[in-house]
C-alpha atoms as a PDB file:
ATOM      1  CA  MET A   1     -17.039  -9.442  40.557  1.00  0.00           C
ATOM      2  CA  GLY A   2     -18.195 -13.159  40.620  1.00  0.00           C
ATOM      3  CA  VAL A   3     -20.987 -15.096  39.572  1.00  0.00           C
ATOM      4  CA  MET A   4     -24.539 -13.200  39.999  1.00  0.00           C
ATOM      5  CA  GLU A   5     -28.067 -13.342  39.032  1.00  0.00           C
ATOM      6  CA  ILE A   6     -28.858 -11.611  35.500  1.00  0.00           C
ATOM      7  CA  SER A   7     -31.091  -9.150  37.093  1.00  0.00           C
ATOM      8  CA  GLU A   8     -28.268  -8.150  39.481  1.00  0.00           C
ATOM      9  CA  ALA A   9     -25.940  -7.857  36.585  1.00  0.00           C
ATOM     10  CA  LEU A  10     -28.238  -5.585  34.419  1.00  0.00           C
ATOM     11  CA  ARG A  11     -29.165  -3.843  37.655  1.00  0.00           C
ATOM     12  CA  ILE A  12     -25.480  -2.767  38.240  1.00  0.00           C
ATOM     13  CA  ALA A  13     -24.966  -2.074  34.673  1.00  0.00           C
ATOM     14  CA  GLY A  14     -27.631   0.514  34.408  1.00  0.00           C
ATOM     15  CA  GLU A  15     -26.503   2.318  37.497  1.00  0.00           C
ATOM     16  CA  ARG A  16     -22.860   2.563  35.728  1.00  0.00           C
ATOM     17  CA  GLU A  17     -24.450   3.559  32.344  1.00  0.00           C
ATOM     18  CA  VAL A  18     -22.892   0.879  30.602  1.00  0.00           C
ATOM     19  CA  ASP A  19     -24.012  -2.305  28.641  1.00  0.00           C
ATOM     20  CA  LEU A  20     -23.554  -5.952  29.956  1.00  0.00           C
ATOM     21  CA  VAL A  21     -21.793  -7.810  27.036  1.00  0.00           C
ATOM     22  CA  GLU A  22     -22.435 -11.498  26.646  1.00  0.00           C
ATOM     23  CA  ILE A  23     -18.469 -12.864  26.032  1.00  0.00           C
ATOM     24  CA  ALA A  24     -18.748 -16.671  26.165  1.00  0.00           C
ATOM     25  CA  PRO A  25     -22.238 -17.543  26.015  1.00  0.00           C
ATOM     26  CA  ASN A  26     -21.927 -21.638  26.102  1.00  0.00           C
ATOM     27  CA  SER A  27     -19.658 -21.825  29.176  1.00  0.00           C
ATOM     28  CA  ASP A  28     -21.204 -22.576  32.890  1.00  0.00           C
ATOM     29  CA  PRO A  29     -21.734 -19.982  33.842  1.00  0.00           C
ATOM     30  CA  ARG A  30     -22.307 -17.412  31.418  1.00  0.00           C
ATOM     31  CA  THR A  31     -19.861 -14.836  31.107  1.00  0.00           C
ATOM     32  CA  CYS A  32     -20.575 -10.986  30.504  1.00  0.00           C
ATOM     33  CA  LYS A  33     -18.399  -8.088  30.724  1.00  0.00           C
ATOM     34  CA  LEU A  34     -19.636  -4.364  31.870  1.00  0.00           C
ATOM     35  CA  MET A  35     -18.755  -1.933  28.748  1.00  0.00           C
ATOM     36  CA  ASP A  36     -19.710   0.544  26.858  1.00  0.00           C
ATOM     37  CA  PHE A  37     -20.471  -1.254  23.589  1.00  0.00           C
ATOM     38  CA  GLY A  38     -20.920   1.707  20.938  1.00  0.00           C
ATOM     39  CA  LYS A  39     -17.260   2.480  21.777  1.00  0.00           C
ATOM     40  CA  PHE A  40     -15.979  -0.920  21.793  1.00  0.00           C
ATOM     41  CA  LYS A  41     -17.701  -1.221  17.789  1.00  0.00           C
ATOM     42  CA  TYR A  42     -16.099   2.402  17.490  1.00  0.00           C
ATOM     43  CA  HIS A  43     -12.672   0.860  18.131  1.00  0.00           C
ATOM     44  CA  GLN A  44     -13.502  -1.684  16.159  1.00  0.00           C
ATOM     45  CA  THR A  45     -13.971  -0.551  13.256  1.00  0.00           C
ATOM     46  CA  LYS A  46     -11.053   1.745  13.151  1.00  0.00           C
ATOM     47  CA  LYS A  47      -8.723  -1.206  13.828  1.00  0.00           C
ATOM     48  CA  ASN A  48      -9.879  -3.070  10.834  1.00  0.00           C
ATOM     49  CA  ARG A  49      -9.445  -0.124   8.861  1.00  0.00           C
ATOM     50  CA  ASN A  50      -5.894   0.410   9.724  1.00  0.00           C
ATOM     51  CA  GLN A  51      -4.935  -3.666   8.653  1.00  0.00           C
ATOM     52  CA  LYS A  52      -6.755  -3.036   5.442  1.00  0.00           C
ATOM     53  CA  LYS A  53      -4.217  -0.424   3.826  1.00  0.00           C
ATOM     54  CA  PRO A  54      -2.714  -1.329   0.690  1.00  0.00           C
ATOM     55  CA  VAL A  55       0.904  -2.433   0.879  1.00  0.00           C
ATOM     56  CA  ASN A  56       1.825  -2.698  -3.277  1.00  0.00           C
ATOM     57  CA  LYS A  57       0.951   0.269  -5.035  1.00  0.00           C
ATOM     58  CA  ARG A  58       1.999   0.699  -8.497  1.00  0.00           C
ATOM     59  CA  LYS A  59       3.915   4.691  -9.330  1.00  0.00           C
ATOM     60  CA  GLU A  60       5.215   5.676 -12.263  1.00  0.00           C
ATOM     61  CA  VAL A  61       8.156   7.509 -13.257  1.00  0.00           C
ATOM     62  CA  LYS A  62       8.168   9.657 -16.645  1.00  0.00           C
ATOM     63  CA  LEU A  63      10.834  10.137 -18.672  1.00  0.00           C
ATOM     64  CA  ARG A  64      11.906  11.627 -22.149  1.00  0.00           C
ATOM     65  CA  PRO A  65      15.000  10.600 -24.654  1.00  0.00           C
ATOM     66  CA  LYS A  66      16.532  13.502 -24.068  1.00  0.00           C
ATOM     67  CA  VAL A  67      16.528  13.666 -20.360  1.00  0.00           C
ATOM     68  CA  GLY A  68      19.467  15.815 -19.087  1.00  0.00           C
ATOM     69  CA  GLU A  69      21.460  14.110 -16.154  1.00  0.00           C
ATOM     70  CA  HIS A  70      20.851  15.493 -13.391  1.00  0.00           C
ATOM     71  CA  ASP A  71      16.979  14.776 -14.398  1.00  0.00           C
ATOM     72  CA  PHE A  72      17.934  11.070 -14.842  1.00  0.00           C
ATOM     73  CA  VAL A  73      19.745  11.109 -11.403  1.00  0.00           C
ATOM     74  CA  VAL A  74      16.646  12.645  -9.480  1.00  0.00           C
ATOM     75  CA  LYS A  75      14.228  10.266 -11.011  1.00  0.00           C
ATOM     76  CA  VAL A  76      16.409   7.298 -10.581  1.00  0.00           C
ATOM     77  CA  GLU A  77      16.379   9.093  -6.511  1.00  0.00           C
ATOM     78  CA  ARG A  78      12.783   9.136  -6.797  1.00  0.00           C
ATOM     79  CA  ALA A  79      12.146   5.133  -8.015  1.00  0.00           C
ATOM     80  CA  ARG A  80      14.915   4.751  -5.490  1.00  0.00           C
ATOM     81  CA  GLY A  81      12.483   5.981  -2.582  1.00  0.00           C
ATOM     82  CA  PHE A  82       8.933   4.175  -4.278  1.00  0.00           C
ATOM     83  CA  LEU A  83      10.900   0.732  -4.383  1.00  0.00           C
ATOM     84  CA  GLY A  84      12.233   1.590  -0.719  1.00  0.00           C
ATOM     85  CA  LYS A  85       8.226   2.063   0.516  1.00  0.00           C
ATOM     86  CA  GLY A  86       7.719  -1.485  -1.303  1.00  0.00           C
ATOM     87  CA  HIS A  87       6.308  -0.186  -4.199  1.00  0.00           C
ATOM     88  CA  LYS A  88       6.726  -1.396  -8.143  1.00  0.00           C
ATOM     89  CA  VAL A  89       7.848   1.288 -10.179  1.00  0.00           C
ATOM     90  CA  LEU A  90       5.957   1.416 -13.894  1.00  0.00           C
ATOM     91  CA  VAL A  91       8.788   3.614 -15.530  1.00  0.00           C
ATOM     92  CA  THR A  92       7.366   5.219 -19.220  1.00  0.00           C
ATOM     93  CA  MET A  93       9.490   6.146 -21.803  1.00  0.00           C
ATOM     94  CA  MET A  94       7.624   8.931 -23.877  1.00  0.00           C
ATOM     95  CA  PHE A  95       8.116  10.409 -27.478  1.00  0.00           C
ATOM     96  CA  ARG A  96       7.060  13.107 -29.051  1.00  0.00           C
ATOM     97  CA  GLY A  97       7.648  13.865 -32.694  1.00  0.00           C
ATOM     98  CA  ARG A  98      10.659  13.172 -34.604  1.00  0.00           C
ATOM     99  CA  GLU A  99      12.024  11.245 -31.772  1.00  0.00           C
ATOM    100  CA  MET A 100       9.814   8.715 -32.617  1.00  0.00           C
ATOM    101  CA  ALA A 101      12.198   7.838 -35.080  1.00  0.00           C
ATOM    102  CA  HIS A 102      15.164   7.256 -32.563  1.00  0.00           C
ATOM    103  CA  LEU A 103      13.471   4.383 -30.151  1.00  0.00           C
ATOM    104  CA  ASP A 104      16.829   2.355 -29.625  1.00  0.00           C
ATOM    105  CA  LEU A 105      17.853   5.731 -27.479  1.00  0.00           C
ATOM    106  CA  GLY A 106      15.035   5.517 -25.343  1.00  0.00           C
ATOM    107  CA  ILE A 107      15.756   1.676 -24.800  1.00  0.00           C
ATOM    108  CA  ASP A 108      18.713   2.599 -24.123  1.00  0.00           C
ATOM    109  CA  VAL A 109      18.283   4.815 -21.221  1.00  0.00           C
ATOM    110  CA  LEU A 110      15.098   2.875 -19.645  1.00  0.00           C
ATOM    111  CA  LYS A 111      17.933  -0.252 -19.268  1.00  0.00           C
ATOM    112  CA  ARG A 112      20.175   2.559 -17.947  1.00  0.00           C
ATOM    113  CA  PHE A 113      17.687   3.336 -15.146  1.00  0.00           C
ATOM    114  CA  ALA A 114      17.389  -0.531 -14.089  1.00  0.00           C
ATOM    115  CA  THR A 115      21.067  -0.752 -13.965  1.00  0.00           C
ATOM    116  CA  GLU A 116      21.049   2.179 -11.597  1.00  0.00           C
ATOM    117  CA  LEU A 117      18.707   0.590  -9.500  1.00  0.00           C
ATOM    118  CA  GLU A 118      19.814  -2.774  -9.626  1.00  0.00           C
ATOM    119  CA  GLU A 119      20.711  -3.437  -6.382  1.00  0.00           C
ATOM    120  CA  CYS A 120      17.258  -2.755  -4.630  1.00  0.00           C
ATOM    121  CA  SER A 121      15.159  -4.124  -7.662  1.00  0.00           C
ATOM    122  CA  LYS A 122      14.905  -6.201 -10.478  1.00  0.00           C
ATOM    123  CA  VAL A 123      13.225  -6.008 -13.611  1.00  0.00           C
ATOM    124  CA  GLU A 124       9.679  -7.379 -13.740  1.00  0.00           C
ATOM    125  CA  LYS A 125       9.034  -6.839 -17.282  1.00  0.00           C
ATOM    126  CA  GLU A 126      11.313  -5.648 -19.871  1.00  0.00           C
ATOM    127  CA  PRO A 127      10.840  -2.595 -21.769  1.00  0.00           C
ATOM    128  CA  SER A 128       8.330  -2.795 -24.326  1.00  0.00           C
ATOM    129  CA  ARG A 129       6.439  -0.743 -26.563  1.00  0.00           C
ATOM    130  CA  GLU A 130       3.079  -0.338 -25.211  1.00  0.00           C
ATOM    131  CA  ALA A 131       1.496   2.354 -27.225  1.00  0.00           C
ATOM    132  CA  ARG A 132       2.679   4.271 -30.265  1.00  0.00           C
ATOM    133  CA  ASN A 133       4.563   6.992 -28.613  1.00  0.00           C
ATOM    134  CA  ARG A 134       5.599   5.368 -25.333  1.00  0.00           C
ATOM    135  CA  ILE A 135       7.959   2.266 -24.440  1.00  0.00           C
ATOM    136  CA  ASN A 136       7.246   0.522 -20.613  1.00  0.00           C
ATOM    137  CA  MET A 137       9.087  -1.188 -18.334  1.00  0.00           C
ATOM    138  CA  ILE A 138       8.199  -2.203 -14.407  1.00  0.00           C
ATOM    139  CA  LEU A 139      10.292  -2.714 -11.766  1.00  0.00           C
ATOM    140  CA  ALA A 140       9.915  -4.866  -8.425  1.00  0.00           C
ATOM    141  CA  PRO A 141      11.432  -4.378  -5.154  1.00  0.00           C
ATOM    142  CA  LYS A 142      13.911  -7.099  -4.100  1.00  0.00           C
END
C-alpha cells in the first residue's frame, strides 16, 4: 500500500476488521502488515506441533522358544515394517516354566530372527538376559 501515516494504517485496519502487525520495527520507514493475527498465531502453533513428532520410537516384538514357523514369519514381517518406518525393534524372547531350562533354544531363535532381517537392520544390542524369564535383543534400521 506504500508509505503512510500510522493513524491512516490503523483506520484502514479497523475498516477491514484485521490487525496492523509491525513486521520490521528497525527499518526506516517501519514495515507493517494487515493480517488476522489470531489466525496467524493459530497456524504457527499447528506448524510447530507437526514438526515435533518423534521420529525414532522403539517397537516391540515378543516371541516364545517354541514359536511356529508361520508365526515366526509373521513376526519377522512385522519387524521389517517397523524397521522400514525408521523405528528400532526390541525383540523379546519370553520363557515359562520348564522352558527356562533351555535358554539356548531361545537365543538360537533370536539369532535366526536377526539373520532374517540382516538386509534391512543391524543388531544394536546382542541377545542378553534381562530378567529371570526374558531375553532381549535390539535391532536398529540400517
